[in-house]
Amino acid sequence: MGSSPLEKAGEFPFTSGIYTEMYRERLWTMRQYAGFSSAEDSNARYRYLLGNGQTGLSVAFDLPTQMGYDSDHELAEGEVGRVGVPINSLADMEILLDRIPLDKVSTSMTINSTAAILLALYVAVAEKQGVPLETLSGTIQ
């Protein structure tokens, strides 16, 4: 299996890396997995981290959000905000990403079953902020 001379960095199938010059010209993304018990507190933490050299976000969501439950659902009782940020609506996502330069920051969201929903909220916030969608970067899983 190894890479053949035809496989170049920055070209499909990306076995030699996703960027042509890899980290010789571009530093790797630095991000800390973080999410507090509210969108406001998480936003403050993200802005602090970005202001101190972090180059990406890794959003920690609480278990009800990961499972697709609203915070007021009976199965969410006792779990809201315990291991990350609760997101119940577009308004929550707007607060979470307020004053974050989405066109300059790579965002990672490990959200599992509700990935499509959280991605839709992320894109909606970017559109409301006037961020061109082609400038968004990151991962969602």
Protein backbone atom coordinates (compact mmCIF):
# COMPACT_ATOMS: atom_id res chain seq x y z
CA MET A 1 0.00 0.00 0.00
CA GLY A 2 2.27 3.09 0.14
CA SER A 3 1.99 6.13 -2.02
CA SER A 4 3.11 6.04 -5.63
CA PRO A 5 5.12 8.82 -7.29
CA LEU A 6 1.86 9.93 -8.97
CA GLU A 7 0.16 10.71 -5.66
CA LYS A 8 1.01 14.27 -4.69
CA ALA A 9 0.24 16.15 -1.53
CA GLY A 10 -2.87 18.26 -1.92
CA GLU A 11 -4.30 16.03 -4.66
CA PHE A 12 -6.70 13.10 -4.68
CA PRO A 13 -6.49 10.54 -3.05
CA PHE A 14 -4.69 12.74 -0.46
CA THR A 15 -2.43 9.91 0.77
CA SER A 16 0.46 12.39 0.96
CA GLY A 17 -1.57 15.04 2.78
CA ILE A 18 -4.41 17.45 2.15
CA TYR A 19 -2.24 20.51 1.47
CA THR A 20 0.40 20.85 -1.24
CA GLU A 21 3.08 22.07 1.15
CA MET A 22 1.45 20.65 4.27
CA TYR A 23 2.88 22.24 7.41
CA ARG A 24 5.91 23.82 5.74
CA GLU A 25 3.70 26.77 4.74
CA ARG A 26 0.67 26.38 6.98
CA LEU A 27 0.68 25.56 10.68
CA TRP A 28 -1.69 22.91 11.95
CA THR A 29 -4.95 24.00 13.54
CA MET A 30 -4.74 24.44 17.29
CA ARG A 31 -7.99 23.79 19.12
CA GLN A 32 -9.11 22.83 22.60
CA TYR A 33 -12.27 20.77 23.12
CA ALA A 34 -14.48 23.12 25.14
CA GLY A 35 -18.09 23.79 26.00
CA PHE A 36 -19.58 25.16 29.19
CA SER A 37 -23.08 24.94 30.63
CA SER A 38 -24.46 27.82 28.55
CA ALA A 39 -23.99 29.28 25.09
CA GLU A 40 -22.94 32.59 26.68
CA ASP A 41 -20.21 31.03 28.84
CA SER A 42 -19.00 28.84 25.98
CA ASN A 43 -18.82 31.85 23.65
CA ALA A 44 -16.75 33.76 26.21
CA ARG A 45 -14.37 30.80 26.47
CA TYR A 46 -14.04 30.46 22.68
CA ARG A 47 -13.29 34.16 22.29
CA TYR A 48 -10.70 33.92 25.09
CA LEU A 49 -9.03 30.92 23.44
CA LEU A 50 -9.04 32.55 20.00
CA GLY A 51 -7.64 35.75 21.49
CA ASN A 52 -4.77 33.75 22.98
CA GLY A 53 -3.56 31.99 19.86
CA GLN A 54 -5.99 29.18 19.25
CA THR A 55 -6.81 28.85 15.54
CA GLY A 56 -9.85 26.59 15.64
CA LEU A 57 -12.84 25.60 17.75
CA SER A 58 -13.76 22.15 18.99
CA VAL A 59 -17.28 22.42 20.36
CA ALA A 60 -18.27 20.18 23.29
CA PHE A 61 -22.04 19.63 23.35
CA ASP A 62 -24.00 18.33 26.32
CA LEU A 63 -25.56 14.85 26.18
CA PRO A 64 -29.16 15.97 25.53
CA THR A 65 -27.96 17.96 22.50
CA GLN A 66 -25.94 14.97 21.31
CA MET A 67 -29.02 12.76 21.63
CA GLY A 68 -31.42 15.23 20.01
CA TYR A 69 -33.38 16.16 23.14
CA ASP A 70 -34.40 19.68 24.06
CA SER A 71 -33.21 20.81 27.47
CA ASP A 72 -36.77 20.70 28.86
CA HIS A 73 -37.38 17.07 27.81
CA GLU A 74 -37.88 14.70 30.75
CA LEU A 75 -35.06 12.43 29.54
CA ALA A 76 -32.65 15.40 29.62
CA GLU A 77 -33.24 16.04 33.32
CA GLY A 78 -29.98 16.25 35.23
CA GLU A 79 -27.82 16.20 32.10
CA VAL A 80 -28.31 19.68 30.61
CA GLY A 81 -25.00 21.51 30.42
CA ARG A 82 -23.07 18.89 32.39
CA VAL A 83 -20.50 17.88 29.78
CA GLY A 84 -20.82 20.69 27.26
CA VAL A 85 -23.00 23.39 25.84
CA PRO A 86 -26.76 22.84 25.39
CA ILE A 87 -28.12 23.92 22.00
CA ASN A 88 -31.90 23.93 21.62
CA SER A 89 -32.43 26.48 18.87
CA LEU A 90 -30.95 28.77 16.27
CA ALA A 91 -30.89 31.50 18.93
CA ASP A 92 -28.62 29.34 21.10
CA MET A 93 -26.25 28.76 18.17
CA GLU A 94 -26.23 32.50 17.39
CA ILE A 95 -25.19 33.22 20.99
CA LEU A 96 -22.57 30.46 20.89
CA LEU A 97 -20.95 31.89 17.74
CA ASP A 98 -21.45 35.61 18.40
CA ARG A 99 -18.36 37.65 17.45
CA ILE A 100 -16.52 34.53 16.24
CA PRO A 101 -14.97 35.05 12.77
CA LEU A 102 -16.38 31.91 11.14
CA ASP A 103 -14.60 32.68 7.87
CA LYS A 104 -11.23 32.61 9.65
CA VAL A 105 -11.74 29.83 12.22
CA SER A 106 -11.92 26.10 11.56
CA THR A 107 -14.73 24.55 13.61
CA SER A 108 -14.91 20.93 14.72
CA MET A 109 -18.21 19.58 16.03
CA THR A 110 -18.32 15.99 17.30
CA ILE A 111 -22.07 15.64 17.59
CA ASN A 112 -22.91 12.17 16.27
CA SER A 113 -26.61 11.54 15.57
CA THR A 114 -27.65 15.19 15.38
CA ALA A 115 -24.75 16.25 13.11
CA ALA A 116 -27.00 17.33 10.22
CA ILE A 117 -29.13 19.51 12.50
CA LEU A 118 -26.16 21.23 14.16
CA LEU A 119 -24.49 21.74 10.77
CA ALA A 120 -27.69 23.38 9.49
CA LEU A 121 -27.71 25.71 12.52
CA TYR A 122 -24.01 26.51 11.98
CA VAL A 123 -24.62 27.35 8.31
CA ALA A 124 -27.67 29.46 9.22
CA VAL A 125 -25.57 31.48 11.69
CA ALA A 126 -22.85 31.96 9.07
CA GLU A 127 -25.44 33.21 6.58
CA LYS A 128 -26.94 35.61 9.15
CA GLN A 129 -23.43 36.93 9.87
CA GLY A 130 -22.87 37.47 6.13
CA VAL A 131 -20.08 34.89 5.96
CA PRO A 132 -19.67 33.35 2.48
CA LEU A 133 -20.29 29.62 2.84
CA GLU A 134 -17.24 28.76 0.72
CA THR A 135 -15.03 30.28 3.45
CA LEU A 136 -16.31 27.93 6.18
CA SER A 137 -13.97 25.13 7.24
CA GLY A 138 -13.89 22.38 9.80
CA THR A 139 -15.27 18.95 10.47
CA ILE A 140 -18.52 17.51 11.70
CA GLN A 141 -19.16 13.95 12.72
